[in-house]
PDB file of N, CA and C in Angstrom:
ATOM      1  N   GLU A   1       7.469  59.094  66.430  1.00  0.00           N
ATOM      2  CA  GLU A   1       9.416  59.385  67.066  1.00  0.00           C
ATOM      3  C   GLU A   1       9.693  60.629  67.536  1.00  0.00           C
ATOM      4  N   MET A   2      10.284  60.093  68.658  1.00  0.00           N
ATOM      5  CA  MET A   2      10.944  61.263  68.940  1.00  0.00           C
ATOM      6  C   MET A   2      12.424  61.878  68.381  1.00  0.00           C
ATOM      7  N   GLU A   3      12.341  62.919  68.283  1.00  0.00           N
ATOM      8  CA  GLU A   3      14.187  63.534  67.357  1.00  0.00           C
ATOM      9  C   GLU A   3      14.884  63.476  68.040  1.00  0.00           C
ATOM     10  N   THR A   4      16.260  62.894  68.050  1.00  0.00           N
ATOM     11  CA  THR A   4      17.443  63.715  68.972  1.00  0.00           C
ATOM     12  C   THR A   4      17.784  64.857  68.446  1.00  0.00           C
ATOM     13  N   PRO A   5      19.036  65.270  69.382  1.00  0.00           N
ATOM     14  CA  PRO A   5      19.374  66.421  69.278  1.00  0.00           C
ATOM     15  C   PRO A   5      19.884  66.722  67.909  1.00  0.00           C
ATOM     16  N   LYS A   6      20.559  65.790  67.293  1.00  0.00           N
ATOM     17  CA  LYS A   6      21.375  65.787  66.218  1.00  0.00           C
ATOM     18  C   LYS A   6      20.502  65.808  64.716  1.00  0.00           C
ATOM     19  N   THR A   7      19.248  65.461  65.413  1.00  0.00           N
ATOM     20  CA  THR A   7      18.162  65.220  63.748  1.00  0.00           C
ATOM     21  C   THR A   7      17.204  66.181  63.840  1.00  0.00           C
ATOM     22  N   ASN A   8      17.175  67.216  64.773  1.00  0.00           N
ATOM     23  CA  ASN A   8      16.042  67.669  64.407  1.00  0.00           C
ATOM     24  C   ASN A   8      16.164  69.113  63.755  1.00  0.00           C
ATOM     25  N   LYS A   9      15.131  70.023  63.163  1.00  0.00           N
ATOM     26  CA  LYS A   9      15.478  70.367  61.996  1.00  0.00           C
ATOM     27  C   LYS A   9      16.486  71.650  62.043  1.00  0.00           C
ATOM     28  N   ARG A  10      17.045  71.822  63.190  1.00  0.00           N
ATOM     29  CA  ARG A  10      17.569  73.166  63.554  1.00  0.00           C
ATOM     30  C   ARG A  10      19.138  72.496  62.760  1.00  0.00           C
ATOM     31  N   ALA A  11      19.363  71.545  63.624  1.00  0.00           N
ATOM     32  CA  ALA A  11      20.519  70.405  63.687  1.00  0.00           C
ATOM     33  C   ALA A  11      20.979  70.034  62.407  1.00  0.00           C
ATOM     34  N   ARG A  12      19.800  69.738  61.388  1.00  0.00           N
ATOM     35  CA  ARG A  12      20.257  68.810  60.139  1.00  0.00           C
ATOM     36  C   ARG A  12      20.406  70.576  59.110  1.00  0.00           C
ATOM     37  N   GLU A  13      19.957  71.266  59.268  1.00  0.00           N
ATOM     38  CA  GLU A  13      19.963  72.702  58.662  1.00  0.00           C
ATOM     39  C   GLU A  13      21.398  72.761  58.836  1.00  0.00           C
ATOM     40  N   ALA A  14      21.582  72.968  60.043  1.00  0.00           N
ATOM     41  CA  ALA A  14      23.065  73.431  60.556  1.00  0.00           C
ATOM     42  C   ALA A  14      24.353  72.433  59.736  1.00  0.00           C
ATOM     43  N   CYS A  15      23.962  70.812  59.732  1.00  0.00           N
ATOM     44  CA  CYS A  15      25.121  70.211  59.485  1.00  0.00           C
ATOM     45  C   CYS A  15      25.206  70.397  58.010  1.00  0.00           C
ATOM     46  N   TRP A  16      23.890  70.540  56.925  1.00  0.00           N
ATOM     47  CA  TRP A  16      24.067  71.062  55.787  1.00  0.00           C
ATOM     48  C   TRP A  16      24.709  72.092  55.428  1.00  0.00           C
ATOM     49  N   LEU A  17      24.694  73.016  56.023  1.00  0.00           N
ATOM     50  CA  LEU A  17      25.682  74.522  56.017  1.00  0.00           C
ATOM     51  C   LEU A  17      26.730  74.036  55.943  1.00  0.00           C
ATOM     52  N   ALA A  18      27.516  73.148  57.582  1.00  0.00           N
ATOM     53  CA  ALA A  18      28.555  72.759  57.669  1.00  0.00           C
ATOM     54  C   ALA A  18      29.473  71.846  56.478  1.00  0.00           C
ATOM     55  N   ARG A  19      28.493  71.234  55.751  1.00  0.00           N
ATOM     56  CA  ARG A  19      28.962  70.523  55.022  1.00  0.00           C
ATOM     57  C   ARG A  19      28.954  71.298  53.502  1.00  0.00           C
ATOM     58  N   ASP A  20      28.137  71.648  53.035  1.00  0.00           N
ATOM     59  CA  ASP A  20      28.402  72.518  52.099  1.00  0.00           C
ATOM     60  C   ASP A  20      29.458  73.584  52.156  1.00  0.00           C
ATOM     61  N   GLU A  21      29.632  74.288  53.007  1.00  0.00           N
ATOM     62  CA  GLU A  21      31.117  74.471  53.459  1.00  0.00           C
ATOM     63  C   GLU A  21      32.266  73.904  53.196  1.00  0.00           C
ATOM     64  N   TYR A  22      32.312  72.808  53.950  1.00  0.00           N
ATOM     65  CA  TYR A  22      33.560  72.077  53.953  1.00  0.00           C
ATOM     66  C   TYR A  22      33.489  71.007  52.356  1.00  0.00           C
ATOM     67  N   TYR A  23      32.686  71.284  51.466  1.00  0.00           N
ATOM     68  CA  TYR A  23      32.824  70.340  50.409  1.00  0.00           C
ATOM     69  C   TYR A  23      33.279  72.058  49.080  1.00  0.00           C
ATOM     70  N   ALA A  24      32.541  73.088  49.774  1.00  0.00           N
ATOM     71  CA  ALA A  24      33.017  74.155  48.897  1.00  0.00           C
ATOM     72  C   ALA A  24      34.500  74.795  48.913  1.00  0.00           C
ATOM     73  N   CYS A  25      35.145  74.645  50.051  1.00  0.00           N
ATOM     74  CA  CYS A  25      36.612  74.931  50.192  1.00  0.00           C
ATOM     75  C   CYS A  25      37.385  73.453  49.532  1.00  0.00           C
ATOM     76  N   LEU A  26      36.698  72.240  49.945  1.00  0.00           N
ATOM     77  CA  LEU A  26      37.685  71.186  49.017  1.00  0.00           C
ATOM     78  C   LEU A  26      37.784  71.453  47.986  1.00  0.00           C
ATOM     79  N   ASP A  27      36.607  71.966  47.016  1.00  0.00           N
ATOM     80  CA  ASP A  27      36.492  72.029  45.599  1.00  0.00           C
ATOM     81  C   ASP A  27      37.633  73.319  44.701  1.00  0.00           C
ATOM     82  N   ARG A  28      37.606  74.011  45.622  1.00  0.00           N
ATOM     83  CA  ARG A  28      38.782  75.176  45.084  1.00  0.00           C
ATOM     84  C   ARG A  28      39.788  74.641  44.128  1.00  0.00           C
ATOM     85  N   ASP A  29      39.714  75.491  43.476  1.00  0.00           N
ATOM     86  CA  ASP A  29      41.015  75.142  42.452  1.00  0.00           C
ATOM     87  C   ASP A  29      42.633  75.519  43.225  1.00  0.00           C
ATOM     88  N   GLN A  30      42.605  76.528  43.807  1.00  0.00           N
ATOM     89  CA  GLN A  30      43.674  76.158  44.267  1.00  0.00           C
ATOM     90  C   GLN A  30      43.600  75.555  46.213  1.00  0.00           C
ATOM     91  N   PRO A  31      45.073  75.331  46.423  1.00  0.00           N
ATOM     92  CA  PRO A  31      44.979  74.288  47.889  1.00  0.00           C
ATOM     93  C   PRO A  31      44.642  75.200  48.761  1.00  0.00           C
ATOM     94  N   THR A  32      43.817  75.007  49.410  1.00  0.00           N
ATOM     95  CA  THR A  32      43.242  75.838  50.700  1.00  0.00           C
ATOM     96  C   THR A  32      43.158  75.184  52.107  1.00  0.00           C
ATOM     97  N   ASP A  33      43.432  76.118  53.105  1.00  0.00           N
ATOM     98  CA  ASP A  33      43.271  74.963  54.288  1.00  0.00           C
ATOM     99  C   ASP A  33      42.077  74.981  54.730  1.00  0.00           C
ATOM    100  N   CYS A  34      41.246  73.503  54.868  1.00  0.00           N
ATOM    101  CA  CYS A  34      40.017  73.296  55.227  1.00  0.00           C
ATOM    102  C   CYS A  34      39.610  72.902  56.485  1.00  0.00           C
ATOM    103  N   SER A  35      40.667  72.648  57.479  1.00  0.00           N
ATOM    104  CA  SER A  35      40.412  72.278  58.765  1.00  0.00           C
ATOM    105  C   SER A  35      39.313  73.207  59.773  1.00  0.00           C
ATOM    106  N   VAL A  36      39.268  74.019  59.614  1.00  0.00           N
ATOM    107  CA  VAL A  36      37.910  75.299  60.096  1.00  0.00           C
ATOM    108  C   VAL A  36      36.799  74.376  59.575  1.00  0.00           C
ATOM    109  N   TYR A  37      36.432  74.181  58.617  1.00  0.00           N
ATOM    110  CA  TYR A  37      35.522  73.854  58.008  1.00  0.00           C
ATOM    111  C   TYR A  37      35.080  72.774  58.428  1.00  0.00           C
ATOM    112  N   LEU A  38      36.452  71.502  58.086  1.00  0.00           N
ATOM    113  CA  LEU A  38      36.162  70.400  58.769  1.00  0.00           C
ATOM    114  C   LEU A  38      35.913  69.800  59.846  1.00  0.00           C
ATOM    115  N   LYS A  39      36.833  70.567  60.858  1.00  0.00           N
ATOM    116  CA  LYS A  39      35.873  70.847  62.467  1.00  0.00           C
ATOM    117  C   LYS A  39      34.747  71.090  62.522  1.00  0.00           C
ATOM    118  N   LYS A  40      33.969  71.897  61.684  1.00  0.00           N
ATOM    119  CA  LYS A  40      32.604  72.698  62.250  1.00  0.00           C
ATOM    120  C   LYS A  40      31.633  71.590  61.228  1.00  0.00           C
ATOM    121  N   TYR A  41      32.528  70.478  60.369  1.00  0.00           N
ATOM    122  CA  TYR A  41      31.724  69.423  59.374  1.00  0.00           C
ATOM    123  C   TYR A  41      31.317  68.299  60.972  1.00  0.00           C
ATOM    124  N   GLU A  42      32.556  68.215  60.916  1.00  0.00           N
ATOM    125  CA  GLU A  42      32.599  67.053  61.904  1.00  0.00           C
ATOM    126  C   GLU A  42      31.460  67.316  63.338  1.00  0.00           C
ATOM    127  N   GLU A  43      31.634  68.437  63.579  1.00  0.00           N
ATOM    128  CA  GLU A  43      30.985  68.904  64.972  1.00  0.00           C
ATOM    129  C   GLU A  43      29.417  68.902  64.704  1.00  0.00           C
ATOM    130  N   ASP A  44      29.086  69.288  63.599  1.00  0.00           N
ATOM    131  CA  ASP A  44      27.670  69.446  63.284  1.00  0.00           C
ATOM    132  C   ASP A  44      27.037  68.406  62.508  1.00  0.00           C
ATOM    133  N   CYS A  45      27.649  67.378  61.838  1.00  0.00           N
ATOM    134  CA  CYS A  45      27.309  66.387  61.427  1.00  0.00           C
ATOM    135  C   CYS A  45      27.104  64.576  61.860  1.00  0.00           C
ATOM    136  N   LEU A  46      26.453  63.990  61.924  1.00  0.00           N
ATOM    137  CA  LEU A  46      26.636  62.436  62.480  1.00  0.00           C
ATOM    138  C   LEU A  46      27.614  61.622  61.833  1.00  0.00           C
ATOM    139  N   PRO A  47      28.545  60.779  62.251  1.00  0.00           N
ATOM    140  CA  PRO A  47      29.262  60.209  61.158  1.00  0.00           C
ATOM    141  C   PRO A  47      28.537  59.452  60.488  1.00  0.00           C
ATOM    142  N   SER A  48      27.501  58.870  60.743  1.00  0.00           N
ATOM    143  CA  SER A  48      26.870  58.227  59.549  1.00  0.00           C
ATOM    144  C   SER A  48      26.315  58.809  58.604  1.00  0.00           C
ATOM    145  N   TRP A  49      26.080  60.297  58.872  1.00  0.00           N
ATOM    146  CA  TRP A  49      25.689  61.390  57.716  1.00  0.00           C
ATOM    147  C   TRP A  49      26.709  61.520  56.983  1.00  0.00           C
ATOM    148  N   ARG A  50      28.261  62.081  57.288  1.00  0.00           N
ATOM    149  CA  ARG A  50      29.093  62.226  56.835  1.00  0.00           C
ATOM    150  C   ARG A  50      30.024  61.184  55.779  1.00  0.00           C
ATOM    151  N   LYS A  51      29.849  60.097  56.449  1.00  0.00           N
ATOM    152  CA  LYS A  51      29.788  58.840  55.726  1.00  0.00           C
ATOM    153  C   LYS A  51      29.378  58.842  54.395  1.00  0.00           C
ATOM    154  N   HIS A  52      28.029  58.474  54.279  1.00  0.00           N
ATOM    155  CA  HIS A  52      26.963  58.936  53.139  1.00  0.00           C
ATOM    156  C   HIS A  52      27.266  59.970  52.493  1.00  0.00           C
ATOM    157  N   PHE A  53      27.374  61.614  52.914  1.00  0.00           N
ATOM    158  CA  PHE A  53      28.096  62.597  51.725  1.00  0.00           C
ATOM    159  C   PHE A  53      29.200  62.551  51.153  1.00  0.00           C
ATOM    160  N   GLU A  54      30.286  61.980  52.337  1.00  0.00           N
ATOM    161  CA  GLU A  54      31.502  61.815  51.419  1.00  0.00           C
ATOM    162  C   GLU A  54      31.364  60.312  50.388  1.00  0.00           C
ATOM    163  N   ALA A  55      30.778  59.930  50.434  1.00  0.00           N
ATOM    164  CA  ALA A  55      30.011  58.351  48.941  1.00  0.00           C
ATOM    165  C   ALA A  55      29.567  59.343  47.912  1.00  0.00           C
ATOM    166  N   ILE A  56      28.618  60.699  48.384  1.00  0.00           N
ATOM    167  CA  ILE A  56      28.332  61.349  47.239  1.00  0.00           C
ATOM    168  C   ILE A  56      29.176  62.105  46.759  1.00  0.00           C
ATOM    169  N   HIS A  57      30.000  63.002  47.858  1.00  0.00           N
ATOM    170  CA  HIS A  57      31.014  63.693  46.485  1.00  0.00           C
ATOM    171  C   HIS A  57      31.652  63.023  46.192  1.00  0.00           C
ATOM    172  N   LYS A  58      32.387  61.379  46.384  1.00  0.00           N
ATOM    173  CA  LYS A  58      33.408  60.706  46.004  1.00  0.00           C
ATOM    174  C   LYS A  58      32.566  60.516  44.322  1.00  0.00           C
ATOM    175  N   ARG A  59      31.142  60.297  44.406  1.00  0.00           N
ATOM    176  CA  ARG A  59      30.377  59.870  43.159  1.00  0.00           C
ATOM    177  C   ARG A  59      30.312  60.817  42.154  1.00  0.00           C
ATOM    178  N   GLU A  60      30.481  62.505  42.535  1.00  0.00           N
ATOM    179  CA  GLU A  60      30.024  63.354  42.099  1.00  0.00           C
ATOM    180  C   GLU A  60      31.477  63.843  41.538  1.00  0.00           C
ATOM    181  N   GLU A  61      32.787  63.509  41.679  1.00  0.00           N
ATOM    182  CA  GLU A  61      34.110  64.125  41.786  1.00  0.00           C
ATOM    183  C   GLU A  61      34.413  63.334  40.239  1.00  0.00           C
ATOM    184  N   GLU A  62      33.895  61.885  40.540  1.00  0.00           N
ATOM    185  CA  GLU A  62      34.621  60.647  39.476  1.00  0.00           C
ATOM    186  C   GLU A  62      33.504  60.955  38.185  1.00  0.00           C
ATOM    187  N   TYR A  63      31.994  61.744  38.170  1.00  0.00           N
ATOM    188  CA  TYR A  63      31.431  61.880  37.244  1.00  0.00           C
ATOM    189  C   TYR A  63      31.776  63.033  36.384  1.00  0.00           C
ATOM    190  N   LYS A  64      32.288  64.206  37.662  1.00  0.00           N
ATOM    191  CA  LYS A  64      33.377  65.447  36.464  1.00  0.00           C
ATOM    192  C   LYS A  64      34.560  64.808  35.820  1.00  0.00           C
ATOM    193  N   ARG A  65      35.156  63.922  36.716  1.00  0.00           N
ATOM    194  CA  ARG A  65      36.527  63.223  35.936  1.00  0.00           C
ATOM    195  C   ARG A  65      36.010  62.868  34.506  1.00  0.00           C
ATOM    196  N   VAL A  66      35.043  61.482  34.745  1.00  0.00           N
ATOM    197  CA  VAL A  66      34.896  60.984  33.315  1.00  0.00           C
ATOM    198  C   VAL A  66      33.752  62.061  32.472  1.00  0.00           C
ATOM    199  N   LEU A  67      33.282  63.060  32.704  1.00  0.00           N
ATOM    200  CA  LEU A  67      33.033  63.675  31.646  1.00  0.00           C
ATOM    201  C   LEU A  67      33.678  64.901  31.138  1.00  0.00           C
ATOM    202  N   GLU A  68      34.321  65.391  32.005  1.00  0.00           N
ATOM    203  CA  GLU A  68      36.092  66.133  31.157  1.00  0.00           C
ATOM    204  C   GLU A  68      36.645  65.217  30.432  1.00  0.00           C
ATOM    205  N   LYS A  69      36.928  63.818  30.674  1.00  0.00           N
ATOM    206  CA  LYS A  69      37.602  63.137  29.495  1.00  0.00           C
ATOM    207  C   LYS A  69      36.965  63.057  28.592  1.00  0.00           C
ATOM    208  N   LEU A  70      35.661  62.993  28.185  1.00  0.00           N
ATOM    209  CA  LEU A  70      34.731  62.612  27.292  1.00  0.00           C
ATOM    210  C   LEU A  70      34.927  63.950  26.625  1.00  0.00           C
ATOM    211  N   ARG A  71      35.253  64.855  26.951  1.00  0.00           N
ATOM    212  CA  ARG A  71      35.098  66.358  26.276  1.00  0.00           C
ATOM    213  C   ARG A  71      36.279  66.728  26.071  1.00  0.00           C
ATOM    214  N   GLU A  72      37.351  66.323  26.628  1.00  0.00           N
ATOM    215  CA  GLU A  72      38.443  66.282  25.863  1.00  0.00           C
ATOM    216  C   GLU A  72      38.926  65.470  24.697  1.00  0.00           C
ATOM    217  N   GLN A  73      38.370  64.513  24.788  1.00  0.00           N
ATOM    218  CA  GLN A  73      38.172  63.352  22.997  1.00  0.00           C
ATOM    219  C   GLN A  73      37.477  63.887  22.329  1.00  0.00           C
ATOM    220  N   LYS A  74      36.414  64.654  22.605  1.00  0.00           N
ATOM    221  CA  LYS A  74      35.356  64.885  21.333  1.00  0.00           C
ATOM    222  C   LYS A  74      36.029  66.081  20.868  1.00  0.00           C
ATOM    223  N   SER A  75      37.076  67.050  21.917  1.00  0.00           N
ATOM    224  CA  SER A  75      37.772  67.965  21.248  1.00  0.00           C
ATOM    225  C   SER A  75      38.365  67.826  20.213  1.00  0.00           C
ATOM    226  N   LYS A  76      39.303  66.309  20.514  1.00  0.00           N
ATOM    227  CA  LYS A  76      40.247  66.418  19.733  1.00  0.00           C
ATOM    228  C   LYS A  76      39.668  65.488  18.344  1.00  0.00           C
ATOM    229  N   GLU A  77      38.848  64.497  18.876  1.00  0.00           N
ATOM    230  CA  GLU A  77      38.264  64.519  17.232  1.00  0.00           C
ATOM    231  C   GLU A  77      37.797  65.509  16.590  1.00  0.00           C
ATOM    232  N   LYS A  78      37.145  66.333  16.748  1.00  0.00           N
ATOM    233  CA  LYS A  78      37.194  67.929  16.169  1.00  0.00           C
ATOM    234  C   LYS A  78      38.191  68.217  15.621  1.00  0.00           C
ATOM    235  N   ALA A  79      39.716  68.350  15.683  1.00  0.00           N
ATOM    236  CA  ALA A  79      40.627  68.690  15.548  1.00  0.00           C
ATOM    237  C   ALA A  79      41.141  68.049  14.555  1.00  0.00           C
TER     238      ALA A  79
END
């Protein structure tokens, strides 16, 4: 099976790095302009990969929110 330029090892690693930098920017506590990271992410990752990564990121964010709510409830019960 032949690899396409966007799926060879170097391209995958570039995509993962761009993804990690973009999501690190989005996850900062203070509002930040992430457009530079978004542009690199869009250039380096196939649309199907971005869709997959975005679904994972959404699930992780939802998990964090639920976990935080549970922690808040638990601390209220202890008080």
